[in-house]
Amino acid sequence: MTRLLDYVNPSDPSFVAAVLTITFNPLFWNVVARWEQKTRRLSKAFGSPYLACYVLGGAILLLNLVRSHCFTQAMLNQPKMESLDNTAAYCVGLVLLGVGVVLVLSSFFALGFTGTFLGDYFGILKEARVTTFPFSVLDNPMYWGSTANYLGWAIMHASPSGLLLTVVVGLVYVVAVLYEEPFTAEIYRQKATKSHKRN
């Protein structure tokens, strides 16, 4: 780890921007989603929980593009690590990127737009929690697929700053899961209880 830090200038503006966007994104969407769940203000403002969810989803996508841009700029503005700058490492990065893309896309197709972008906070629930692939092999595959994408991208660029930023991405997602998972489990438990009482 010390060797990695020798290649990283944490005061570089592009690195600081990357850290800020990485940490801000999940904080933003979790705060907005919880606020919506408690107040229904977005649903009322847009006249529909679906439209409000689509707007939040669009904002999240835009912020994710900004985050990826900042991540890439931070890598390009800092030195490469010679030991990672080879064909074998590049291929490993490419495989990780491929795995990440499969996890992210298959999660999206399994959940749909509203399931991916916090529809449960808007009261938009599926019949039951999704348990098909990739959820059958991994909890929170969207987050871990995204982390694999960043790791693969960092390795392909032989970037110590990218590796360090990927650690930040992973840690932020761990915190997001700790925050989101109990809520999701509870709302589907409540839905199952209501459905059982009706039957």
Protein backbone atom coordinates (compact mmCIF):
# COMPACT_ATOMS: atom_id res chain seq x y z
CA MET A 1 0.00 0.00 0.00
CA THR A 2 2.86 2.37 0.82
CA ARG A 3 4.31 1.73 -2.62
CA LEU A 4 0.98 2.69 -4.19
CA LEU A 5 0.82 5.91 -2.22
CA ASP A 6 4.22 6.93 -3.60
CA TYR A 7 2.50 7.35 -6.99
CA VAL A 8 -0.49 9.31 -5.72
CA ASN A 9 -0.71 13.04 -5.12
CA PRO A 10 -3.83 13.36 -2.92
CA SER A 11 -3.81 17.16 -3.21
CA ASP A 12 -4.13 17.08 -7.01
CA PRO A 13 -7.45 18.80 -7.86
CA SER A 14 -8.57 15.96 -10.14
CA PHE A 15 -7.95 13.41 -7.37
CA VAL A 16 -9.86 15.54 -4.85
CA ALA A 17 -12.74 15.93 -7.34
CA ALA A 18 -12.82 12.15 -7.84
CA VAL A 19 -12.95 11.46 -4.09
CA LEU A 20 -15.72 14.05 -3.64
CA THR A 21 -17.87 12.69 -6.48
CA ILE A 22 -17.34 9.09 -5.34
CA THR A 23 -18.50 9.89 -1.81
CA PHE A 24 -21.23 12.40 -2.78
CA ASN A 25 -23.18 10.20 -5.19
CA PRO A 26 -24.50 7.53 -2.77
CA LEU A 27 -24.97 10.14 -0.05
CA PHE A 28 -27.09 12.23 -2.44
CA TRP A 29 -29.34 9.44 -3.64
CA ASN A 30 -29.81 7.91 -0.19
CA VAL A 31 -30.71 11.24 1.42
CA VAL A 32 -33.12 12.16 -1.39
CA ALA A 33 -34.71 8.68 -1.41
CA ARG A 34 -35.22 8.62 2.36
CA TRP A 35 -36.66 12.14 2.25
CA GLU A 36 -39.05 11.03 -0.50
CA GLN A 37 -40.04 7.91 1.42
CA LYS A 38 -40.91 10.00 4.49
CA THR A 39 -42.56 13.00 2.79
CA ARG A 40 -43.61 11.92 -0.74
CA ARG A 41 -42.70 15.46 -1.81
CA LEU A 42 -41.10 14.45 -5.12
CA SER A 43 -44.06 12.25 -6.03
CA LYS A 44 -46.41 15.16 -5.28
CA ALA A 45 -44.24 17.68 -7.14
CA PHE A 46 -44.06 15.52 -10.28
CA GLY A 47 -47.64 14.25 -9.96
CA SER A 48 -46.56 10.60 -9.97
CA PRO A 49 -44.15 8.38 -8.03
CA TYR A 50 -43.03 6.87 -11.33
CA LEU A 51 -42.15 10.20 -12.90
CA ALA A 52 -40.38 11.31 -9.72
CA CYS A 53 -38.38 8.06 -9.70
CA TYR A 54 -37.44 8.53 -13.36
CA VAL A 55 -36.22 12.06 -12.62
CA LEU A 56 -34.14 10.86 -9.65
CA GLY A 57 -32.81 8.00 -11.79
CA GLY A 58 -31.79 10.47 -14.50
CA ALA A 59 -29.99 12.62 -11.90
CA ILE A 60 -28.19 9.54 -10.55
CA LEU A 61 -27.10 8.54 -14.06
CA LEU A 62 -25.80 12.04 -14.72
CA LEU A 63 -23.90 12.10 -11.43
CA ASN A 64 -22.43 8.67 -12.22
CA LEU A 65 -21.13 10.03 -15.54
CA VAL A 66 -19.52 12.93 -13.69
CA ARG A 67 -18.02 10.49 -11.16
CA SER A 68 -16.58 8.29 -13.92
CA HIS A 69 -15.15 11.33 -15.71
CA CYS A 70 -13.50 12.58 -12.49
CA PHE A 71 -12.15 9.08 -11.79
CA THR A 72 -10.62 8.88 -15.27
CA GLN A 73 -9.13 12.38 -15.07
CA ALA A 74 -7.56 11.59 -11.70
CA MET A 75 -5.92 8.50 -13.23
CA LEU A 76 -4.68 10.34 -16.31
CA ASN A 77 -3.20 13.19 -14.26
CA GLN A 78 -1.09 10.93 -12.06
CA PRO A 79 1.81 8.59 -12.84
CA LYS A 80 1.45 5.00 -13.99
CA MET A 81 2.93 2.08 -12.07
CA GLU A 82 5.50 0.34 -14.24
CA SER A 83 4.80 -3.12 -12.79
CA LEU A 84 1.15 -2.85 -13.89
CA ASP A 85 1.94 -1.45 -17.32
CA ASN A 86 2.00 -4.74 -19.25
CA THR A 87 -0.22 -6.95 -21.38
CA ALA A 88 -1.05 -9.47 -18.65
CA ALA A 89 -2.27 -6.78 -16.26
CA TYR A 90 -4.22 -5.12 -19.07
CA CYS A 91 -5.97 -8.44 -19.80
CA VAL A 92 -6.83 -8.90 -16.11
CA GLY A 93 -8.29 -5.39 -16.09
CA LEU A 94 -10.28 -6.15 -19.23
CA VAL A 95 -11.72 -9.33 -17.65
CA LEU A 96 -12.69 -7.40 -14.50
CA LEU A 97 -14.32 -4.75 -16.65
CA GLY A 98 -16.25 -7.45 -18.52
CA VAL A 99 -17.41 -9.11 -15.30
CA GLY A 100 -18.45 -5.71 -13.95
CA VAL A 101 -20.45 -4.88 -17.07
CA VAL A 102 -22.24 -8.25 -16.93
CA LEU A 103 -23.14 -7.73 -13.25
CA VAL A 104 -24.34 -4.16 -13.76
CA LEU A 105 -26.38 -4.85 -16.91
CA SER A 106 -27.90 -8.10 -15.66
CA SER A 107 -28.85 -6.33 -12.39
CA PHE A 108 -30.50 -3.56 -14.37
CA PHE A 109 -32.45 -6.00 -16.54
CA ALA A 110 -33.55 -8.01 -13.48
CA LEU A 111 -34.66 -4.92 -11.52
CA GLY A 112 -35.88 -2.63 -14.29
CA PHE A 113 -35.44 1.14 -14.17
CA THR A 114 -37.52 1.81 -11.06
CA GLY A 115 -36.04 -1.17 -9.22
CA THR A 116 -32.52 0.01 -10.03
CA PHE A 117 -33.14 3.63 -9.15
CA LEU A 118 -34.72 3.35 -5.71
CA GLY A 119 -38.32 2.87 -6.74
CA ASP A 120 -39.01 1.11 -3.44
CA TYR A 121 -38.54 4.47 -1.67
CA PHE A 122 -41.27 5.85 -3.94
CA GLY A 123 -43.60 2.98 -3.04
CA ILE A 124 -42.93 1.19 -6.34
CA LEU A 125 -42.38 -2.41 -5.29
CA LYS A 126 -41.94 -5.64 -7.18
CA GLU A 127 -44.09 -8.64 -6.26
CA ALA A 128 -41.13 -9.95 -4.24
CA ARG A 129 -37.42 -9.28 -3.90
CA VAL A 130 -35.50 -10.27 -7.00
CA THR A 131 -33.57 -13.51 -6.53
CA THR A 132 -32.72 -14.39 -10.15
CA PHE A 133 -29.25 -13.97 -11.66
CA PRO A 134 -27.11 -12.09 -10.70
CA PHE A 135 -28.83 -11.79 -7.31
CA SER A 136 -28.78 -15.58 -7.03
CA VAL A 137 -24.97 -15.56 -6.92
CA LEU A 138 -24.15 -12.24 -5.25
CA ASP A 139 -25.83 -9.71 -2.98
CA ASN A 140 -25.84 -6.16 -4.36
CA PRO A 141 -24.39 -7.12 -7.76
CA MET A 142 -24.92 -3.61 -9.14
CA TYR A 143 -22.54 -2.16 -6.55
CA TRP A 144 -19.94 -4.91 -6.85
CA GLY A 145 -20.15 -4.85 -10.64
CA SER A 146 -19.55 -1.11 -10.60
CA THR A 147 -16.58 -1.62 -8.25
CA ALA A 148 -15.19 -4.29 -10.61
CA ASN A 149 -15.55 -1.82 -13.49
CA TYR A 150 -13.48 0.79 -11.68
CA LEU A 151 -10.89 -1.78 -10.62
CA GLY A 152 -10.58 -3.11 -14.16
CA TRP A 153 -10.32 0.42 -15.55
CA ALA A 154 -7.59 1.29 -13.01
CA ILE A 155 -5.58 -1.84 -13.82
CA MET A 156 -5.93 -1.27 -17.57
CA HIS A 157 -4.47 2.21 -17.04
CA ALA A 158 -1.74 0.91 -14.67
CA SER A 159 -2.96 3.57 -12.28
CA PRO A 160 -2.14 3.55 -8.57
CA SER A 161 -4.47 6.52 -8.07
CA GLY A 162 -7.22 4.51 -9.80
CA LEU A 163 -6.59 1.56 -7.47
CA LEU A 164 -6.80 3.83 -4.43
CA LEU A 165 -9.98 5.45 -5.74
CA THR A 166 -11.46 1.98 -6.33
CA VAL A 167 -10.91 1.23 -2.64
CA VAL A 168 -12.86 4.41 -1.85
CA VAL A 169 -15.64 3.27 -4.23
CA GLY A 170 -15.82 -0.12 -2.50
CA LEU A 171 -15.90 1.42 0.99
CA VAL A 172 -18.63 3.87 0.00
CA TYR A 173 -20.71 1.01 -1.39
CA VAL A 174 -20.24 -0.99 1.82
CA VAL A 175 -21.66 1.97 3.77
CA ALA A 176 -24.50 2.35 1.24
CA VAL A 177 -25.40 -1.33 1.62
CA LEU A 178 -25.43 -1.03 5.42
CA TYR A 179 -27.79 1.92 5.05
CA GLU A 180 -30.06 0.54 2.30
CA GLU A 181 -30.29 -3.19 3.02
CA PRO A 182 -32.29 -3.03 6.30
CA PHE A 183 -34.82 -0.70 4.67
CA THR A 184 -35.28 -2.92 1.63
CA ALA A 185 -35.61 -6.04 3.78
CA GLU A 186 -38.19 -4.32 5.99
CA ILE A 187 -40.43 -3.01 3.21
CA TYR A 188 -40.58 -6.41 1.54
CA ARG A 189 -41.25 -8.05 4.91
CA GLN A 190 -44.12 -5.61 5.46
CA LYS A 191 -45.47 -6.28 1.97
CA ALA A 192 -45.36 -10.05 2.56
CA THR A 193 -47.13 -9.64 5.92
CA LYS A 194 -49.90 -7.51 4.36
CA SER A 195 -50.30 -9.97 1.49
CA HIS A 196 -50.46 -12.91 3.95
CA LYS A 197 -53.15 -11.14 6.04
CA ARG A 198 -55.28 -10.50 2.94
CA ASN A 199 -55.14 -14.19 2.01
